[in-house]
Amino acid sequence: ADWLAANPNKRVTITGHTDTSGQA
């Protein structure tokens, strides 16, 4: 949040990852 506040012209992408339990 601090980095985004200090860089108001930037956008970010959050990527979620899982383990291999369950179906793909």
PDB file of all heavy atoms in Angstrom:
ATOM      1  N   ALA A   1       0.830  -1.205   0.000  1.00  0.00           N
ATOM      2  CA  ALA A   1       0.000   0.000   0.000  1.00  0.00           C
ATOM      3  C   ALA A   1       0.866   1.258   0.000  1.00  0.00           C
ATOM      4  O   ALA A   1       0.565   2.235  -0.707  1.00  0.00           O
ATOM      5  CB  ALA A   1      -0.937  -0.012   1.210  1.00  0.00           C
ATOM      6  N   ASP A   2       1.949   1.255   0.780  1.00  0.00           N
ATOM      7  CA  ASP A   2       2.846   2.411   0.816  1.00  0.00           C
ATOM      8  C   ASP A   2       3.510   2.639  -0.541  1.00  0.00           C
ATOM      9  O   ASP A   2       3.657   3.776  -0.999  1.00  0.00           O
ATOM     10  CB  ASP A   2       3.919   2.215   1.893  1.00  0.00           C
ATOM     11  CG  ASP A   2       3.361   2.350   3.303  1.00  0.00           C
ATOM     12  OD1 ASP A   2       2.239   2.884   3.442  1.00  0.00           O
ATOM     13  OD2 ASP A   2       4.040   1.918   4.247  1.00  0.00           O
ATOM     14  N   TRP A   3       3.911   1.546  -1.198  1.00  0.00           N
ATOM     15  CA  TRP A   3       4.558   1.674  -2.503  1.00  0.00           C
ATOM     16  C   TRP A   3       3.577   2.230  -3.528  1.00  0.00           C
ATOM     17  O   TRP A   3       3.926   3.110  -4.326  1.00  0.00           O
ATOM     18  CB  TRP A   3       5.092   0.318  -2.963  1.00  0.00           C
ATOM     19  CG  TRP A   3       5.923   0.421  -4.224  1.00  0.00           C
ATOM     20  CD1 TRP A   3       7.261   0.656  -4.315  1.00  0.00           C
ATOM     21  CD2 TRP A   3       5.445   0.316  -5.575  1.00  0.00           C
ATOM     22  NE1 TRP A   3       7.652   0.709  -5.627  1.00  0.00           N
ATOM     23  CE2 TRP A   3       6.566   0.495  -6.430  1.00  0.00           C
ATOM     24  CE3 TRP A   3       4.200   0.081  -6.137  1.00  0.00           C
ATOM     25  CZ2 TRP A   3       6.452   0.451  -7.815  1.00  0.00           C
ATOM     26  CZ3 TRP A   3       4.088   0.040  -7.526  1.00  0.00           C
ATOM     27  CH2 TRP A   3       5.204   0.225  -8.353  1.00  0.00           C
ATOM     28  N   LEU A   4       2.351   1.748  -3.510  1.00  0.00           N
ATOM     29  CA  LEU A   4       1.340   2.262  -4.432  1.00  0.00           C
ATOM     30  C   LEU A   4       1.049   3.736  -4.169  1.00  0.00           C
ATOM     31  O   LEU A   4       0.854   4.517  -5.100  1.00  0.00           O
ATOM     32  CB  LEU A   4       0.059   1.435  -4.317  1.00  0.00           C
ATOM     33  CG  LEU A   4       0.118   0.032  -4.943  1.00  0.00           C
ATOM     34  CD1 LEU A   4      -1.063  -0.804  -4.479  1.00  0.00           C
ATOM     35  CD2 LEU A   4       0.144   0.128  -6.460  1.00  0.00           C
ATOM     36  N   ALA A   5       1.028   4.109  -2.890  1.00  0.00           N
ATOM     37  CA  ALA A   5       0.794   5.508  -2.551  1.00  0.00           C
ATOM     38  C   ALA A   5       1.936   6.394  -3.044  1.00  0.00           C
ATOM     39  O   ALA A   5       1.716   7.522  -3.485  1.00  0.00           O
ATOM     40  CB  ALA A   5       0.626   5.655  -1.043  1.00  0.00           C
ATOM     41  N   ALA A   6       3.154   5.879  -2.977  1.00  0.00           N
ATOM     42  CA  ALA A   6       4.319   6.652  -3.400  1.00  0.00           C
ATOM     43  C   ALA A   6       4.500   6.651  -4.910  1.00  0.00           C
ATOM     44  O   ALA A   6       5.279   7.444  -5.442  1.00  0.00           O
ATOM     45  CB  ALA A   6       5.583   6.101  -2.730  1.00  0.00           C
ATOM     46  N   ASN A   7       3.774   5.764  -5.609  1.00  0.00           N
ATOM     47  CA  ASN A   7       3.873   5.657  -7.064  1.00  0.00           C
ATOM     48  C   ASN A   7       2.473   5.702  -7.666  1.00  0.00           C
ATOM     49  O   ASN A   7       1.957   4.697  -8.181  1.00  0.00           O
ATOM     50  CB  ASN A   7       4.580   4.353  -7.461  1.00  0.00           C
ATOM     51  CG  ASN A   7       6.017   4.298  -6.989  1.00  0.00           C
ATOM     52  OD1 ASN A   7       6.923   4.754  -7.675  1.00  0.00           O
ATOM     53  ND2 ASN A   7       6.229   3.758  -5.802  1.00  0.00           N
ATOM     54  N   PRO A   8       1.820   6.865  -7.590  1.00  0.00           N
ATOM     55  CA  PRO A   8       0.406   6.952  -7.955  1.00  0.00           C
ATOM     56  C   PRO A   8       0.101   6.652  -9.415  1.00  0.00           C
ATOM     57  O   PRO A   8      -1.057   6.411  -9.753  1.00  0.00           O
ATOM     58  CB  PRO A   8       0.034   8.396  -7.594  1.00  0.00           C
ATOM     59  CG  PRO A   8       1.330   9.126  -7.616  1.00  0.00           C
ATOM     60  CD  PRO A   8       2.363   8.159  -7.131  1.00  0.00           C
ATOM     61  N   ASN A   9       1.103   6.640 -10.282  1.00  0.00           N
ATOM     62  CA  ASN A   9       0.866   6.353 -11.695  1.00  0.00           C
ATOM     63  C   ASN A   9       1.086   4.884 -12.046  1.00  0.00           C
ATOM     64  O   ASN A   9       0.952   4.499 -13.207  1.00  0.00           O
ATOM     65  CB  ASN A   9       1.775   7.222 -12.574  1.00  0.00           C
ATOM     66  CG  ASN A   9       1.464   8.694 -12.444  1.00  0.00           C
ATOM     67  OD1 ASN A   9       0.298   9.066 -12.332  1.00  0.00           O
ATOM     68  ND2 ASN A   9       2.492   9.527 -12.441  1.00  0.00           N
ATOM     69  N   LYS A  10       1.421   4.079 -11.052  1.00  0.00           N
ATOM     70  CA  LYS A  10       1.692   2.664 -11.291  1.00  0.00           C
ATOM     71  C   LYS A  10       0.474   1.801 -10.951  1.00  0.00           C
ATOM     72  O   LYS A  10      -0.312   2.139 -10.064  1.00  0.00           O
ATOM     73  CB  LYS A  10       2.884   2.200 -10.448  1.00  0.00           C
ATOM     74  CG  LYS A  10       4.201   2.902 -10.764  1.00  0.00           C
ATOM     75  CD  LYS A  10       4.720   2.514 -12.140  1.00  0.00           C
ATOM     76  CE  LYS A  10       6.113   3.091 -12.375  1.00  0.00           C
ATOM     77  NZ  LYS A  10       6.637   2.728 -13.707  1.00  0.00           N
ATOM     78  N   ARG A  11       0.352   0.677 -11.643  1.00  0.00           N
ATOM     79  CA  ARG A  11      -0.652  -0.335 -11.351  1.00  0.00           C
ATOM     80  C   ARG A  11       0.050  -1.659 -11.127  1.00  0.00           C
ATOM     81  O   ARG A  11       1.163  -1.863 -11.609  1.00  0.00           O
ATOM     82  CB  ARG A  11      -1.666  -0.453 -12.499  1.00  0.00           C
ATOM     83  CG  ARG A  11      -2.576   0.753 -12.629  1.00  0.00           C
ATOM     84  CD  ARG A  11      -3.464   0.655 -13.867  1.00  0.00           C
ATOM     85  NE  ARG A  11      -4.520   1.651 -13.855  1.00  0.00           N
ATOM     86  CZ  ARG A  11      -4.358   2.915 -14.210  1.00  0.00           C
ATOM     87  NH1 ARG A  11      -3.157   3.320 -14.593  1.00  0.00           N
ATOM     88  NH2 ARG A  11      -5.362   3.766 -14.169  1.00  0.00           N
ATOM     89  N   VAL A  12      -0.595  -2.547 -10.392  1.00  0.00           N
ATOM     90  CA  VAL A  12       0.014  -3.840 -10.109  1.00  0.00           C
ATOM     91  C   VAL A  12      -0.954  -4.971 -10.438  1.00  0.00           C
ATOM     92  O   VAL A  12      -2.174  -4.772 -10.490  1.00  0.00           O
ATOM     93  CB  VAL A  12       0.452  -3.962  -8.629  1.00  0.00           C
ATOM     94  CG1 VAL A  12       1.547  -2.960  -8.304  1.00  0.00           C
ATOM     95  CG2 VAL A  12      -0.733  -3.797  -7.688  1.00  0.00           C
ATOM     96  N   THR A  13      -0.375  -6.150 -10.657  1.00  0.00           N
ATOM     97  CA  THR A  13      -1.152  -7.368 -10.877  1.00  0.00           C
ATOM     98  C   THR A  13      -0.801  -8.371  -9.791  1.00  0.00           C
ATOM     99  O   THR A  13       0.384  -8.657  -9.560  1.00  0.00           O
ATOM    100  CB  THR A  13      -0.850  -7.981 -12.254  1.00  0.00           C
ATOM    101  OG1 THR A  13      -1.212  -7.050 -13.274  1.00  0.00           O
ATOM    102  CG2 THR A  13      -1.631  -9.272 -12.454  1.00  0.00           C
ATOM    103  N   ILE A  14      -1.812  -8.881  -9.116  1.00  0.00           N
ATOM    104  CA  ILE A  14      -1.634  -9.903  -8.082  1.00  0.00           C
ATOM    105  C   ILE A  14      -1.960 -11.252  -8.707  1.00  0.00           C
ATOM    106  O   ILE A  14      -3.026 -11.433  -9.325  1.00  0.00           O
ATOM    107  CB  ILE A  14      -2.556  -9.645  -6.886  1.00  0.00           C
ATOM    108  CG1 ILE A  14      -2.223  -8.293  -6.244  1.00  0.00           C
ATOM    109  CG2 ILE A  14      -2.441 -10.765  -5.857  1.00  0.00           C
ATOM    110  CD1 ILE A  14      -3.258  -7.832  -5.251  1.00  0.00           C
ATOM    111  N   THR A  15      -1.048 -12.203  -8.562  1.00  0.00           N
ATOM    112  CA  THR A  15      -1.240 -13.541  -9.115  1.00  0.00           C
ATOM    113  C   THR A  15      -1.345 -14.546  -7.984  1.00  0.00           C
ATOM    114  O   THR A  15      -0.460 -14.603  -7.118  1.00  0.00           O
ATOM    115  CB  THR A  15      -0.072 -13.936 -10.038  1.00  0.00           C
ATOM    116  OG1 THR A  15       0.049 -12.960 -11.080  1.00  0.00           O
ATOM    117  CG2 THR A  15      -0.330 -15.295 -10.671  1.00  0.00           C
ATOM    118  N   GLY A  16      -2.424 -15.322  -7.980  1.00  0.00           N
ATOM    119  CA  GLY A  16      -2.608 -16.365  -6.980  1.00  0.00           C
ATOM    120  C   GLY A  16      -2.055 -17.692  -7.464  1.00  0.00           C
ATOM    121  O   GLY A  16      -2.129 -18.015  -8.654  1.00  0.00           O
ATOM    122  N   HIS A  17      -1.471 -18.449  -6.533  1.00  0.00           N
ATOM    123  CA  HIS A  17      -0.920 -19.770  -6.835  1.00  0.00           C
ATOM    124  C   HIS A  17      -1.429 -20.779  -5.808  1.00  0.00           C
ATOM    125  O   HIS A  17      -1.651 -20.423  -4.641  1.00  0.00           O
ATOM    126  CB  HIS A  17       0.607 -19.747  -6.801  1.00  0.00           C
ATOM    127  CG  HIS A  17       1.233 -18.836  -7.814  1.00  0.00           C
ATOM    128  ND1 HIS A  17       1.575 -19.251  -9.086  1.00  0.00           N
ATOM    129  CD2 HIS A  17       1.573 -17.523  -7.743  1.00  0.00           C
ATOM    130  CE1 HIS A  17       2.109 -18.226  -9.749  1.00  0.00           C
ATOM    131  NE2 HIS A  17       2.117 -17.170  -8.948  1.00  0.00           N
ATOM    132  N   THR A  18      -1.583 -22.020  -6.230  1.00  0.00           N
ATOM    133  CA  THR A  18      -2.013 -23.086  -5.324  1.00  0.00           C
ATOM    134  C   THR A  18      -0.978 -24.197  -5.307  1.00  0.00           C
ATOM    135  O   THR A  18      -0.027 -24.209  -6.101  1.00  0.00           O
ATOM    136  CB  THR A  18      -3.359 -23.684  -5.772  1.00  0.00           C
ATOM    137  OG1 THR A  18      -3.161 -24.401  -7.002  1.00  0.00           O
ATOM    138  CG2 THR A  18      -4.420 -22.607  -5.970  1.00  0.00           C
ATOM    139  N   ASP A  19      -1.189 -25.166  -4.414  1.00  0.00           N
ATOM    140  CA  ASP A  19      -0.416 -26.398  -4.493  1.00  0.00           C
ATOM    141  C   ASP A  19      -1.132 -27.332  -5.481  1.00  0.00           C
ATOM    142  O   ASP A  19      -2.074 -26.926  -6.167  1.00  0.00           O
ATOM    143  CB  ASP A  19      -0.261 -27.030  -3.107  1.00  0.00           C
ATOM    144  CG  ASP A  19      -1.598 -27.337  -2.447  1.00  0.00           C
ATOM    145  OD1 ASP A  19      -2.568 -27.643  -3.166  1.00  0.00           O
ATOM    146  OD2 ASP A  19      -1.677 -27.284  -1.207  1.00  0.00           O
ATOM    147  N   THR A  20      -0.686 -28.577  -5.558  1.00  0.00           N
ATOM    148  CA  THR A  20      -1.236 -29.497  -6.558  1.00  0.00           C
ATOM    149  C   THR A  20      -2.406 -30.323  -6.043  1.00  0.00           C
ATOM    150  O   THR A  20      -2.881 -31.205  -6.746  1.00  0.00           O
ATOM    151  CB  THR A  20      -0.133 -30.449  -7.051  1.00  0.00           C
ATOM    152  OG1 THR A  20       0.517 -31.042  -5.921  1.00  0.00           O
ATOM    153  CG2 THR A  20       0.896 -29.698  -7.882  1.00  0.00           C
ATOM    154  N   SER A  21      -2.889 -30.014  -4.855  1.00  0.00           N
ATOM    155  CA  SER A  21      -4.065 -30.720  -4.343  1.00  0.00           C
ATOM    156  C   SER A  21      -5.278 -30.328  -5.176  1.00  0.00           C
ATOM    157  O   SER A  21      -5.459 -29.149  -5.511  1.00  0.00           O
ATOM    158  CB  SER A  21      -4.319 -30.356  -2.876  1.00  0.00           C
ATOM    159  OG  SER A  21      -3.183 -30.655  -2.082  1.00  0.00           O
ATOM    160  N   GLY A  22      -6.116 -31.296  -5.530  1.00  0.00           N
ATOM    161  CA  GLY A  22      -7.325 -30.990  -6.283  1.00  0.00           C
ATOM    162  C   GLY A  22      -7.112 -30.998  -7.780  1.00  0.00           C
ATOM    163  O   GLY A  22      -6.004 -31.249  -8.287  1.00  0.00           O
ATOM    164  N   GLN A  23      -8.189 -30.712  -8.512  1.00  0.00           N
ATOM    165  CA  GLN A  23      -8.164 -30.703  -9.966  1.00  0.00           C
ATOM    166  C   GLN A  23      -7.568 -29.390 -10.488  1.00  0.00           C
ATOM    167  O   GLN A  23      -7.696 -28.336  -9.865  1.00  0.00           O
ATOM    168  CB  GLN A  23      -9.578 -30.870 -10.518  1.00  0.00           C
ATOM    169  CG  GLN A  23     -10.250 -32.175 -10.115  1.00  0.00           C
ATOM    170  CD  GLN A  23      -9.499 -33.388 -10.648  1.00  0.00           C
ATOM    171  OE1 GLN A  23      -9.127 -33.431 -11.835  1.00  0.00           O
ATOM    172  NE2 GLN A  23      -9.252 -34.373  -9.786  1.00  0.00           N
ATOM    173  N   ALA A  24      -6.953 -29.460 -11.653  1.00  0.00           N
ATOM    174  CA  ALA A  24      -6.281 -28.289 -12.216  1.00  0.00           C
ATOM    175  C   ALA A  24      -7.240 -27.115 -12.407  1.00  0.00           C
ATOM    176  O   ALA A  24      -6.914 -25.968 -12.062  1.00  0.00           O
ATOM    177  CB  ALA A  24      -5.621 -28.660 -13.541  1.00  0.00           C
TER     178      ALA A  24
END
